[in-house]
Structures are given as C-alpha cells and as structure tokens.
C-alpha atoms as a PDB file:
ATOM      1  CA  MET A   1       0.000   0.000   0.000  1.00  0.00           C
ATOM      2  CA  ARG A   2       2.810   2.369   0.910  1.00  0.00           C
ATOM      3  CA  LYS A   3       4.619   1.719  -2.396  1.00  0.00           C
ATOM      4  CA  LYS A   4       1.410   2.342  -4.331  1.00  0.00           C
ATOM      5  CA  THR A   5       0.860   5.686  -2.577  1.00  0.00           C
ATOM      6  CA  ALA A   6       4.462   6.761  -3.177  1.00  0.00           C
ATOM      7  CA  LEU A   7       4.236   5.734  -6.829  1.00  0.00           C
ATOM      8  CA  SER A   8       0.971   7.660  -7.267  1.00  0.00           C
ATOM      9  CA  ALA A   9       2.505  10.748  -5.660  1.00  0.00           C
ATOM     10  CA  CYS A  10       5.538  10.546  -7.966  1.00  0.00           C
ATOM     11  CA  ALA A  11       3.321  10.135 -11.029  1.00  0.00           C
ATOM     12  CA  LEU A  12       1.216  13.153 -10.034  1.00  0.00           C
ATOM     13  CA  TRP A  13       4.315  15.288  -9.427  1.00  0.00           C
ATOM     14  CA  ALA A  14       5.799  14.273 -12.809  1.00  0.00           C
ATOM     15  CA  ALA A  15       2.556  15.044 -14.643  1.00  0.00           C
ATOM     16  CA  LEU A  16       2.266  18.501 -13.074  1.00  0.00           C
ATOM     17  CA  THR A  17       5.930  19.326 -13.671  1.00  0.00           C
ATOM     18  CA  LEU A  18       6.017  18.164 -17.275  1.00  0.00           C
ATOM     19  CA  SER A  19       2.717  19.781 -18.227  1.00  0.00           C
ATOM     20  CA  SER A  20       3.959  23.189 -17.081  1.00  0.00           C
ATOM     21  CA  CYS A  21       6.902  23.178 -19.503  1.00  0.00           C
ATOM     22  CA  GLY A  22       4.961  22.331 -22.667  1.00  0.00           C
ATOM     23  CA  TYR A  23       4.160  24.409 -25.704  1.00  0.00           C
ATOM     24  CA  SER A  24       1.083  26.576 -26.085  1.00  0.00           C
ATOM     25  CA  LYS A  25      -0.864  26.273 -29.316  1.00  0.00           C
ATOM     26  CA  ILE A  26      -1.149  29.542 -31.245  1.00  0.00           C
ATOM     27  CA  GLY A  27      -4.848  28.913 -31.907  1.00  0.00           C
ATOM     28  CA  ARG A  28      -5.556  28.711 -28.172  1.00  0.00           C
ATOM     29  CA  ILE A  29      -3.724  31.997 -27.543  1.00  0.00           C
ATOM     30  CA  ASN A  30      -5.655  33.731 -30.340  1.00  0.00           C
ATOM     31  CA  ALA A  31      -8.968  32.271 -29.170  1.00  0.00           C
ATOM     32  CA  ASP A  32      -8.599  33.619 -25.614  1.00  0.00           C
ATOM     33  CA  PRO A  33      -5.881  36.329 -25.552  1.00  0.00           C
ATOM     34  CA  THR A  34      -7.090  37.765 -22.241  1.00  0.00           C
ATOM     35  CA  ARG A  35      -6.256  34.479 -20.511  1.00  0.00           C
ATOM     36  CA  TYR A  36      -2.657  34.657 -21.776  1.00  0.00           C
ATOM     37  CA  ARG A  37      -2.104  38.449 -21.542  1.00  0.00           C
ATOM     38  CA  ASN A  38       1.238  39.299 -19.878  1.00  0.00           C
ATOM     39  CA  ARG A  39       1.926  35.611 -19.258  1.00  0.00           C
ATOM     40  CA  ALA A  40       5.013  33.733 -20.346  1.00  0.00           C
ATOM     41  CA  VAL A  41       4.355  31.280 -23.172  1.00  0.00           C
ATOM     42  CA  ARG A  42       6.391  28.965 -25.360  1.00  0.00           C
ATOM     43  CA  VAL A  43       5.241  28.395 -28.946  1.00  0.00           C
ATOM     44  CA  GLU A  44       6.758  26.554 -31.855  1.00  0.00           C
ATOM     45  CA  GLY A  45       6.148  26.914 -35.559  1.00  0.00           C
ATOM     46  CA  ARG A  46       7.378  28.058 -38.957  1.00  0.00           C
ATOM     47  CA  VAL A  47       8.113  31.684 -39.857  1.00  0.00           C
ATOM     48  CA  THR A  48       5.741  32.745 -42.649  1.00  0.00           C
ATOM     49  CA  ASN A  49       6.737  36.412 -42.923  1.00  0.00           C
ATOM     50  CA  SER A  50       9.473  38.547 -41.378  1.00  0.00           C
ATOM     51  CA  PHE A  51      10.952  42.022 -41.422  1.00  0.00           C
ATOM     52  CA  GLY A  52      13.693  43.644 -39.429  1.00  0.00           C
ATOM     53  CA  LEU A  53      16.402  46.229 -39.209  1.00  0.00           C
ATOM     54  CA  LEU A  54      19.475  46.102 -36.975  1.00  0.00           C
ATOM     55  CA  SER A  55      18.311  43.113 -34.891  1.00  0.00           C
ATOM     56  CA  THR A  56      14.859  44.625 -34.297  1.00  0.00           C
ATOM     57  CA  GLY A  57      11.646  43.738 -36.082  1.00  0.00           C
ATOM     58  CA  GLY A  58       8.979  41.131 -36.181  1.00  0.00           C
ATOM     59  CA  TYR A  59       7.822  37.964 -37.790  1.00  0.00           C
ATOM     60  CA  GLN A  60       4.684  35.914 -38.188  1.00  0.00           C
ATOM     61  CA  LEU A  61       4.789  32.409 -36.746  1.00  0.00           C
ATOM     62  CA  GLU A  62       2.430  29.614 -37.811  1.00  0.00           C
ATOM     63  CA  ASP A  63       1.651  26.240 -36.277  1.00  0.00           C
ATOM     64  CA  GLU A  64      -1.099  23.783 -37.204  1.00  0.00           C
ATOM     65  CA  THR A  65      -3.667  25.831 -35.225  1.00  0.00           C
ATOM     66  CA  GLY A  66      -3.033  29.405 -36.416  1.00  0.00           C
ATOM     67  CA  LYS A  67      -0.686  32.355 -36.849  1.00  0.00           C
ATOM     68  CA  ILE A  68       0.622  34.976 -34.441  1.00  0.00           C
ATOM     69  CA  PHE A  69       2.911  37.987 -34.766  1.00  0.00           C
ATOM     70  CA  VAL A  70       6.166  37.993 -32.764  1.00  0.00           C
ATOM     71  CA  VAL A  71       7.953  41.268 -31.870  1.00  0.00           C
ATOM     72  CA  SER A  72      11.705  40.815 -31.481  1.00  0.00           C
ATOM     73  CA  ASN A  73      14.746  42.853 -30.514  1.00  0.00           C
ATOM     74  CA  ARG A  74      17.060  39.829 -30.690  1.00  0.00           C
ATOM     75  CA  GLY A  75      17.226  39.292 -34.430  1.00  0.00           C
ATOM     76  CA  VAL A  76      14.570  38.083 -36.832  1.00  0.00           C
ATOM     77  CA  PRO A  77      14.613  34.570 -38.331  1.00  0.00           C
ATOM     78  CA  SER A  78      14.071  34.251 -42.071  1.00  0.00           C
ATOM     79  CA  LYS A  79      10.918  33.088 -43.770  1.00  0.00           C
ATOM     80  CA  GLY A  80      10.554  29.300 -43.700  1.00  0.00           C
ATOM     81  CA  THR A  81      12.652  28.806 -40.561  1.00  0.00           C
ATOM     82  CA  LYS A  82      11.280  26.548 -37.811  1.00  0.00           C
ATOM     83  CA  VAL A  83      11.631  28.244 -34.416  1.00  0.00           C
ATOM     84  CA  MET A  84      10.723  27.840 -30.759  1.00  0.00           C
ATOM     85  CA  VAL A  85       9.813  31.148 -29.093  1.00  0.00           C
ATOM     86  CA  ASN A  86       9.649  32.112 -25.418  1.00  0.00           C
ATOM     87  CA  GLY A  87       7.905  35.376 -24.647  1.00  0.00           C
ATOM     88  CA  SER A  88       4.939  37.240 -23.198  1.00  0.00           C
ATOM     89  CA  VAL A  89       1.547  37.667 -24.845  1.00  0.00           C
ATOM     90  CA  MET A  90       0.410  41.207 -25.676  1.00  0.00           C
ATOM     91  CA  GLU A  91      -2.991  42.270 -26.957  1.00  0.00           C
ATOM     92  CA  GLY A  92      -3.445  44.924 -29.634  1.00  0.00           C
ATOM     93  CA  VAL A  93      -0.004  45.988 -30.796  1.00  0.00           C
ATOM     94  CA  THR A  94       0.878  48.607 -33.406  1.00  0.00           C
ATOM     95  CA  VAL A  95       4.098  48.001 -35.345  1.00  0.00           C
ATOM     96  CA  MET A  96       5.389  50.508 -37.885  1.00  0.00           C
ATOM     97  CA  GLY A  97       1.946  52.072 -38.257  1.00  0.00           C
ATOM     98  CA  HIS A  98       0.120  48.772 -38.815  1.00  0.00           C
ATOM     99  CA  SER A  99      -2.264  47.492 -36.180  1.00  0.00           C
ATOM    100  CA  TYR A 100      -2.034  43.815 -35.300  1.00  0.00           C
ATOM    101  CA  GLY A 101      -4.120  41.863 -32.823  1.00  0.00           C
ATOM    102  CA  THR A 102      -2.533  39.526 -30.354  1.00  0.00           C
ATOM    103  CA  ALA A 103       1.260  39.284 -30.432  1.00  0.00           C
ATOM    104  CA  ILE A 104       4.149  37.820 -28.473  1.00  0.00           C
ATOM    105  CA  GLN A 105       6.971  40.012 -27.153  1.00  0.00           C
ATOM    106  CA  GLU A 106       9.891  37.656 -27.643  1.00  0.00           C
ATOM    107  CA  ARG A 107      12.247  36.926 -24.765  1.00  0.00           C
ATOM    108  CA  ASP A 108      14.290  34.541 -26.916  1.00  0.00           C
ATOM    109  CA  HIS A 109      13.966  32.166 -29.831  1.00  0.00           C
ATOM    110  CA  HIS A 110      15.793  29.051 -30.969  1.00  0.00           C
ATOM    111  CA  VAL A 111      16.001  27.685 -34.498  1.00  0.00           C
ATOM    112  CA  ARG A 112      14.688  24.119 -34.669  1.00  0.00           C
ATOM    113  CA  ASN A 113      15.834  21.423 -37.104  1.00  0.00           C
ATOM    114  CA  GLY A 114      12.460  19.726 -37.045  1.00  0.00           C
ATOM    115  CA  TYR A 115       9.409  19.085 -34.975  1.00  0.00           C
END
C-alpha cells in the first residue's frame, strides 16, 4: 500500500511538472488572448513572414492551429525557418503604423531542425 501511494505521488508530481513546460498552441492563444495576456508562453512553428532592421523587427509564426505575430529585438529569423519562441503575450499591438491583434513580445527564440 505504501509503495502504491508513493508511486501515485511521484506520477502526479511528474505530470504537473512536465505539463507546465509544454508548448502553447497559437490557436488557443488567439482564441482567448485575455487568458494569456502578460503571461510567459512557449510556442513553436514556422516563420511565414518577417521584417527587421538592426536586430529589431517582427515575424509571423504559424503552427497547425493558427498564426501569431512575434515582436523581437534579438534578431529576426528568415521566412521558412522553424523556431521555438519564449515570450509574453500582448494584446493589440501597433508596429510601424500597422495594427495587429494579439502578439508575443519575444524573450528569446531558438532555431529548430524539425518538430
């Protein structure tokens, strides 16, 4: 009985720990941006559009559930690149005179070889 309880406790701890470090789906962020506003998220996808100047700019990231704009001051990956992004969700951002809905203020990104 004691082993079973300890094993159940370990399984619960592992599930809670591993679920907190997963990826958010872009479609879920876009569907309920208020829930994610000012929260740290991690998303993964392919860059569909990008622009930048002197390590500052933005890019659009797409996964199987949707697209989101990412604002970066750490360099902008090129179109077609697969990336993993850590950042905070912002609602209603204006970039270079164009108004965009929900966006992610990038903390960092990493180029991925595949996912």
